[in-house]
């Protein structure tokens, strides 16, 4: 494949890891970050120690604090900023593309829902960037901790777009011998799966800290996945999406690994810490905490029963004891497994 220019918006762990994948494939990569110290470290030391330790990045990667410089001539732009910043950055990106009179494929690689509007990252990007500057919109979803990607653990994700040609273009640019990309066209299912699994991962962390064993964890994963699929169905998503990388795959990775911020946050909640204490201790964005409130509201709006997600909401936002909430989950009225 010919070399193309790719911009990565976000210099955190996931953005840096994705930039490294693309650079390994021989493409010209620029990372945009807002912290000059991180940008300087990437450019001079080829590391991002705050997020990825001593892992050495591809020397061809360059970083900048100037958005215009980052996206200039980029065929593909990966948006890897936190959900809460996605709309603001998309607006800035629109201004940059307008100034450059440039059309690019924009790929959302952030998993979460906007708290105020319940919009997905792809929806925020579409709303903020004029259609004439979008060569396509896609989403990267699936089980993919940055810490594993950067050390070349075999990783599989899916590039999702309603335009299959766009998904296939992203697939070709990003795939290599340790990072395999599939394609999918169910963007609603993929983004819902990516957001909802964070809520179940918080519950999994709480189970871990409370010393519950395999039976409890298996119950959580199975019934949690059912909740994800039921809400997805209410939004018109394909049930099969939740059986794939963006569903059960991402859920397993996020709900079983200490690399997951949401899992670690759940452990601290299980130990009795408050939401505020967890946020302070983590020092990083925990998408699942804000997503839990969104899911609570969506379940009520769509009249979908999501008892596990509701239990997580009660622990986080109502300061309820996790052990009591778990007992109440087990004592609920009995019904058919399909519900």
Protein backbone atom coordinates (compact mmCIF):
# COMPACT_ATOMS: atom_id res chain seq x y z
CA UNK A 1 0.00 0.00 0.00
CA UNK A 2 1.20 3.51 -0.79
CA UNK A 3 2.12 5.72 2.14
CA UNK A 4 -0.65 8.08 3.27
CA UNK A 5 -0.82 10.80 5.91
CA UNK A 6 -2.74 10.03 9.10
CA UNK A 7 -3.50 12.36 12.01
CA UNK A 8 -4.25 11.15 15.53
CA UNK A 9 -6.11 13.58 17.78
CA UNK A 10 -5.25 12.71 21.37
CA UNK A 11 -1.88 11.90 22.92
CA UNK A 12 -3.12 9.54 25.64
CA UNK A 13 -2.42 5.81 25.83
CA UNK A 14 -4.91 4.71 23.16
CA UNK A 15 -4.16 7.51 20.72
CA UNK A 16 -0.42 6.91 21.02
CA UNK A 17 -0.79 3.14 20.61
CA UNK A 18 -2.92 3.56 17.47
CA UNK A 19 -0.46 6.07 16.06
CA UNK A 20 2.30 3.50 16.57
CA UNK A 21 0.31 0.82 14.72
CA UNK A 22 -0.22 3.09 11.73
CA UNK A 23 3.43 4.20 11.72
CA UNK A 24 4.57 0.57 11.82
CA UNK A 25 2.62 0.10 8.60
CA UNK A 26 4.78 2.72 6.90
CA UNK A 27 2.38 5.67 6.96
CA UNK A 28 3.21 9.24 7.94
CA UNK A 29 1.65 9.91 11.35
CA UNK A 30 1.20 13.12 13.30
CA UNK A 31 -0.23 13.16 16.84
CA UNK A 32 -2.06 16.23 18.08
CA UNK A 33 -1.94 16.82 21.84
CA UNK A 34 -2.70 19.80 24.05
CA UNK A 35 0.20 19.29 26.48
CA UNK A 36 3.51 20.66 25.17
CA UNK A 37 5.53 18.44 27.53
CA UNK A 38 3.99 15.26 26.09
CA UNK A 39 4.41 16.47 22.52
CA UNK A 40 8.06 17.29 23.18
CA UNK A 41 8.68 13.87 24.74
CA UNK A 42 7.19 12.07 21.73
CA UNK A 43 9.29 14.12 19.33
CA UNK A 44 12.61 13.93 21.18
CA UNK A 45 12.52 10.69 23.16
CA UNK A 46 9.97 8.66 21.15
CA UNK A 47 8.15 7.68 24.34
CA UNK A 48 4.98 8.62 26.21
CA UNK A 49 5.97 7.45 29.68
CA UNK A 50 2.97 8.85 31.53
CA UNK A 51 0.69 6.48 29.65
CA UNK A 52 2.82 3.72 28.14
CA UNK A 53 5.90 3.51 30.32
CA UNK A 54 9.24 2.92 28.60
CA UNK A 55 7.80 1.50 25.39
CA UNK A 56 9.66 3.04 22.44
CA UNK A 57 7.50 4.48 19.67
CA UNK A 58 8.21 4.49 15.96
CA UNK A 59 10.77 7.23 15.31
CA UNK A 60 8.77 8.41 12.28
CA UNK A 61 5.89 9.62 14.50
CA UNK A 62 5.81 13.36 15.06
CA UNK A 63 3.63 15.31 17.49
CA UNK A 64 2.34 18.87 17.62
CA UNK A 65 0.10 21.12 19.68
CA UNK A 66 -1.13 22.80 16.48
CA UNK A 67 -4.26 21.14 15.10
CA UNK A 68 -3.87 22.66 11.64
CA UNK A 69 -0.38 21.23 11.30
CA UNK A 70 -1.52 17.82 12.52
CA UNK A 71 -4.37 17.36 10.04
CA UNK A 72 -2.84 19.06 6.99
CA UNK A 73 -3.13 16.63 4.03
CA UNK A 74 -4.27 13.78 6.32
CA UNK A 75 -6.42 11.28 4.43
CA UNK A 76 -7.52 9.67 7.71
CA UNK A 77 -8.01 11.45 11.05
CA UNK A 78 -8.40 9.34 14.19
CA UNK A 79 -10.34 11.09 16.96
CA UNK A 80 -9.10 9.62 20.24
CA UNK A 81 -10.00 12.36 22.71
CA UNK A 82 -12.28 11.67 25.72
CA UNK A 83 -16.01 11.60 25.04
CA UNK A 84 -16.57 14.84 26.95
CA UNK A 85 -14.12 16.63 24.62
CA UNK A 86 -15.22 15.02 21.34
CA UNK A 87 -17.72 17.69 20.31
CA UNK A 88 -15.38 20.59 21.09
CA UNK A 89 -12.48 18.99 19.21
CA UNK A 90 -14.73 18.10 16.27
CA UNK A 91 -15.75 21.75 16.05
CA UNK A 92 -12.09 22.80 16.03
CA UNK A 93 -11.39 20.13 13.42
CA UNK A 94 -14.15 21.51 11.21
CA UNK A 95 -12.51 24.93 11.38
CA UNK A 96 -9.14 23.44 10.44
CA UNK A 97 -10.55 21.48 7.50
CA UNK A 98 -12.39 24.58 6.32
CA UNK A 99 -9.18 26.59 6.43
CA UNK A 100 -7.32 23.86 4.55
CA UNK A 101 -10.25 23.22 2.18
CA UNK A 102 -9.65 19.55 2.80
CA UNK A 103 -11.79 16.42 2.90
CA UNK A 104 -10.79 13.56 5.23
CA UNK A 105 -12.08 10.28 6.63
CA UNK A 106 -12.71 10.82 10.35
CA UNK A 107 -12.58 7.75 12.60
CA UNK A 108 -13.96 7.82 16.16
CA UNK A 109 -11.89 5.65 18.49
CA UNK A 110 -13.49 6.80 21.76
CA UNK A 111 -16.02 4.64 23.60
CA UNK A 112 -18.75 6.49 25.46
CA UNK A 113 -21.90 8.61 25.22
CA UNK A 114 -22.19 12.37 25.57
CA UNK A 115 -23.87 12.93 28.98
CA UNK A 116 -25.94 15.94 27.95
CA UNK A 117 -27.31 14.58 24.65
CA UNK A 118 -26.73 10.79 24.81
CA UNK A 119 -25.03 11.05 21.41
CA UNK A 120 -22.30 8.70 20.18
CA UNK A 121 -18.88 10.00 19.14
CA UNK A 122 -19.70 9.47 15.46
CA UNK A 123 -22.91 11.49 15.83
CA UNK A 124 -21.09 14.38 17.50
CA UNK A 125 -18.48 14.38 14.74
CA UNK A 126 -21.14 14.33 12.03
CA UNK A 127 -23.01 17.20 13.68
CA UNK A 128 -19.92 19.37 14.10
CA UNK A 129 -18.09 18.77 10.81
CA UNK A 130 -19.67 19.94 7.58
CA UNK A 131 -20.43 17.09 5.16
CA UNK A 132 -18.29 18.67 2.44
CA UNK A 133 -15.20 18.09 4.63
CA UNK A 134 -16.02 14.46 5.44
CA UNK A 135 -14.77 11.79 3.05
CA UNK A 136 -16.36 9.28 5.39
CA UNK A 137 -17.08 8.54 9.04
CA UNK A 138 -16.08 5.33 10.83
CA UNK A 139 -15.64 3.86 14.29
CA UNK A 140 -12.94 1.60 15.73
CA UNK A 141 -14.41 -0.91 18.21
CA UNK A 142 -13.35 -4.11 19.91
CA UNK A 143 -11.15 -5.58 22.67
CA UNK A 144 -8.00 -3.49 22.54
CA UNK A 145 -6.12 -2.23 25.58
CA UNK A 146 -3.41 0.20 24.56
CA UNK A 147 -0.95 -1.58 26.86
CA UNK A 148 -1.41 -4.79 24.87
CA UNK A 149 -1.30 -3.13 21.47
CA UNK A 150 1.96 -1.30 22.17
CA UNK A 151 3.71 -4.56 23.15
CA UNK A 152 2.30 -6.39 20.13
CA UNK A 153 -0.16 -8.72 21.80
CA UNK A 154 -2.28 -10.16 18.95
CA UNK A 155 -5.25 -7.79 18.84
CA UNK A 156 -8.45 -7.83 16.79
CA UNK A 157 -10.79 -4.87 16.31
CA UNK A 158 -13.47 -3.90 13.83
CA UNK A 159 -13.68 -0.83 11.61
CA UNK A 160 -17.34 0.13 11.42
CA UNK A 161 -18.98 2.38 8.86
CA UNK A 162 -22.28 2.53 7.03
CA UNK A 163 -20.10 2.93 3.93
CA UNK A 164 -18.26 -0.38 3.64
CA UNK A 165 -15.64 1.15 1.32
CA UNK A 166 -14.67 3.56 4.11
CA UNK A 167 -14.42 0.70 6.64
CA UNK A 168 -12.26 -1.28 4.22
CA UNK A 169 -9.96 1.70 3.67
CA UNK A 170 -9.39 2.00 7.43
CA UNK A 171 -8.95 -1.77 7.62
CA UNK A 172 -6.16 -1.75 5.03
CA UNK A 173 -4.31 1.20 6.60
CA UNK A 174 -4.35 -0.20 10.14
CA UNK A 175 -4.00 -3.98 9.75
CA UNK A 176 -0.71 -5.80 10.31
CA UNK A 177 0.58 -9.08 11.73
CA UNK A 178 -0.29 -8.17 15.35
CA UNK A 179 -3.25 -5.81 14.82
CA UNK A 180 -6.00 -7.41 12.73
CA UNK A 181 -8.95 -5.26 11.63
CA UNK A 182 -12.32 -6.66 10.55
CA UNK A 183 -15.19 -4.61 9.09
CA UNK A 184 -18.81 -4.08 10.11
CA UNK A 185 -21.61 -1.73 9.09
CA UNK A 186 -23.60 -1.62 12.37
CA UNK A 187 -22.29 1.65 13.75
CA UNK A 188 -25.09 1.98 16.34
CA UNK A 189 -24.44 -1.49 17.75
CA UNK A 190 -20.67 -0.99 17.79
CA UNK A 191 -20.83 2.33 19.63
CA UNK A 192 -23.47 1.12 22.08
CA UNK A 193 -21.39 -1.97 22.82
CA UNK A 194 -18.28 0.13 23.35
CA UNK A 195 -20.11 2.36 25.82
CA UNK A 196 -22.22 -0.18 27.69
CA UNK A 197 -19.40 -2.64 28.39
CA UNK A 198 -17.76 0.02 30.58
CA UNK A 199 -20.71 -0.14 32.98
CA UNK A 200 -20.47 -3.93 33.26
CA UNK A 201 -16.71 -3.63 33.72
CA UNK A 202 -17.27 -1.42 36.77
CA UNK A 203 -19.51 -4.16 38.20
CA UNK A 204 -16.82 -6.76 37.44
CA UNK A 205 -14.24 -4.74 39.34
CA UNK A 206 -16.55 -4.53 42.33
CA UNK A 207 -17.04 -8.31 42.29
CA UNK A 208 -13.26 -8.75 42.22
CA UNK A 209 -12.67 -6.58 45.27
CA UNK A 210 -15.51 -8.30 47.12
CA UNK A 211 -13.83 -11.69 46.48
CA UNK A 212 -16.66 -13.20 44.46
CA UNK A 213 -15.54 -16.12 42.31
CA UNK A 214 -16.16 -17.60 38.86
CA UNK A 215 -19.88 -18.27 39.30
CA UNK A 216 -20.64 -14.63 40.05
CA UNK A 217 -18.40 -13.35 37.26
CA UNK A 218 -19.94 -15.69 34.70
CA UNK A 219 -23.41 -14.57 35.76
CA UNK A 220 -22.38 -10.94 35.45
CA UNK A 221 -20.87 -11.34 31.96
CA UNK A 222 -23.78 -13.36 30.61
CA UNK A 223 -26.59 -11.23 32.00
CA UNK A 224 -24.64 -8.03 31.40
CA UNK A 225 -24.22 -8.93 27.75
CA UNK A 226 -27.96 -9.60 27.59
CA UNK A 227 -28.63 -6.08 28.89
CA UNK A 228 -26.32 -4.63 26.25
CA UNK A 229 -28.08 -6.53 23.48
CA UNK A 230 -31.57 -5.61 24.75
CA UNK A 231 -30.80 -1.90 24.75
CA UNK A 232 -29.11 -2.28 21.37
CA UNK A 233 -32.23 -3.94 19.99
CA UNK A 234 -34.31 -0.99 21.21
CA UNK A 235 -32.04 1.29 19.15
CA UNK A 236 -32.21 -0.86 16.03
CA UNK A 237 -28.78 -2.46 16.37
CA UNK A 238 -28.12 -5.99 15.15
CA UNK A 239 -28.06 -8.59 17.97
CA UNK A 240 -25.11 -10.26 16.21
CA UNK A 241 -22.95 -7.18 16.80
CA UNK A 242 -23.07 -7.93 20.52
CA UNK A 243 -21.83 -11.47 19.82
CA UNK A 244 -18.74 -10.07 18.08
CA UNK A 245 -15.70 -7.94 18.77
CA UNK A 246 -17.65 -4.78 19.67
CA UNK A 247 -19.82 -6.74 22.10
CA UNK A 248 -18.67 -9.83 23.96
CA UNK A 249 -15.06 -9.31 22.84
CA UNK A 250 -14.77 -5.80 24.21
CA UNK A 251 -16.75 -6.76 27.32
CA UNK A 252 -14.39 -9.62 28.14
CA UNK A 253 -11.26 -7.50 27.73
CA UNK A 254 -12.59 -4.55 29.70
CA UNK A 255 -14.19 -6.55 32.50
CA UNK A 256 -11.26 -8.87 33.22
CA UNK A 257 -8.16 -6.69 33.01
CA UNK A 258 -6.52 -4.31 35.45
CA UNK A 259 -5.48 -2.29 32.38
CA UNK A 260 -9.14 -1.21 32.29
CA UNK A 261 -9.79 2.05 34.16
CA UNK A 262 -13.43 1.04 34.55
CA UNK A 263 -12.49 -2.31 36.11
CA UNK A 264 -10.10 -0.58 38.52
CA UNK A 265 -12.75 2.02 39.35
CA UNK A 266 -15.17 -0.81 40.15
CA UNK A 267 -12.63 -2.38 42.49
CA UNK A 268 -12.36 0.85 44.42
CA UNK A 269 -16.14 1.22 44.59
CA UNK A 270 -16.30 -2.33 45.93
CA UNK A 271 -13.83 -1.33 48.62
CA UNK A 272 -16.22 1.38 49.77
CA UNK A 273 -14.78 4.48 48.10
CA UNK A 274 -17.19 7.15 46.83
CA UNK A 275 -17.46 8.26 43.22
CA UNK A 276 -15.53 11.43 44.02
CA UNK A 277 -12.74 9.51 45.77
CA UNK A 278 -12.43 7.07 42.87
CA UNK A 279 -12.16 9.89 40.33
CA UNK A 280 -9.53 11.63 42.45
CA UNK A 281 -7.49 8.44 42.94
CA UNK A 282 -7.59 7.43 39.27
CA UNK A 283 -6.50 10.81 37.93
CA UNK A 284 -7.75 9.85 34.45
CA UNK A 285 -11.07 9.91 32.61
CA UNK A 286 -13.30 6.97 33.60
CA UNK A 287 -15.84 6.78 30.78
CA UNK A 288 -18.01 4.22 32.57
CA UNK A 289 -18.93 6.55 35.43
CA UNK A 290 -20.65 9.12 33.21
CA UNK A 291 -21.94 6.37 30.90
CA UNK A 292 -23.67 4.69 33.86
CA UNK A 293 -25.90 7.72 34.34
CA UNK A 294 -26.63 7.92 30.62
CA UNK A 295 -27.57 4.23 30.50
CA UNK A 296 -29.84 4.71 33.53
CA UNK A 297 -31.72 7.40 31.62
CA UNK A 298 -31.75 5.53 28.29
CA UNK A 299 -33.14 2.37 29.91
CA UNK A 300 -36.02 4.37 31.35
CA UNK A 301 -36.63 6.20 28.06
CA UNK A 302 -36.67 2.99 26.02
CA UNK A 303 -38.38 0.98 28.81
CA UNK A 304 -35.66 -1.66 28.78
CA UNK A 305 -35.05 -3.60 31.98
CA UNK A 306 -31.32 -3.34 32.86
CA UNK A 307 -31.02 -4.44 36.50
CA UNK A 308 -27.22 -4.79 36.57
CA UNK A 309 -26.66 -1.37 35.05
CA UNK A 310 -29.23 0.05 37.48
CA UNK A 311 -27.37 -1.58 40.37
CA UNK A 312 -24.12 0.07 39.25
CA UNK A 313 -25.96 3.38 39.04
CA UNK A 314 -27.20 2.99 42.62
CA UNK A 315 -23.69 2.27 43.92
CA UNK A 316 -22.12 5.21 42.07
CA UNK A 317 -24.80 7.87 42.29
CA UNK A 318 -26.79 6.86 45.37
CA UNK A 319 -23.87 5.62 47.51
CA UNK A 320 -25.48 2.26 48.15
CA UNK A 321 -23.59 -0.70 49.59
CA UNK A 322 -22.50 -3.05 46.74
CA UNK A 323 -23.20 -6.17 48.81
CA UNK A 324 -26.78 -5.11 49.49
CA UNK A 325 -27.33 -4.24 45.84
CA UNK A 326 -26.00 -7.64 44.76
CA UNK A 327 -28.35 -9.42 47.18
CA UNK A 328 -31.30 -7.43 45.81
CA UNK A 329 -30.30 -8.45 42.26
CA UNK A 330 -30.39 -12.11 43.26
CA UNK A 331 -33.74 -11.76 45.06
CA UNK A 332 -35.59 -10.16 42.11
CA UNK A 333 -38.73 -11.89 40.78
CA UNK A 334 -37.90 -14.94 38.66
CA UNK A 335 -38.48 -14.95 34.90
CA UNK A 336 -37.46 -16.53 31.60
CA UNK A 337 -33.77 -16.28 30.61
CA UNK A 338 -34.59 -14.55 27.32
CA UNK A 339 -35.81 -11.43 29.10
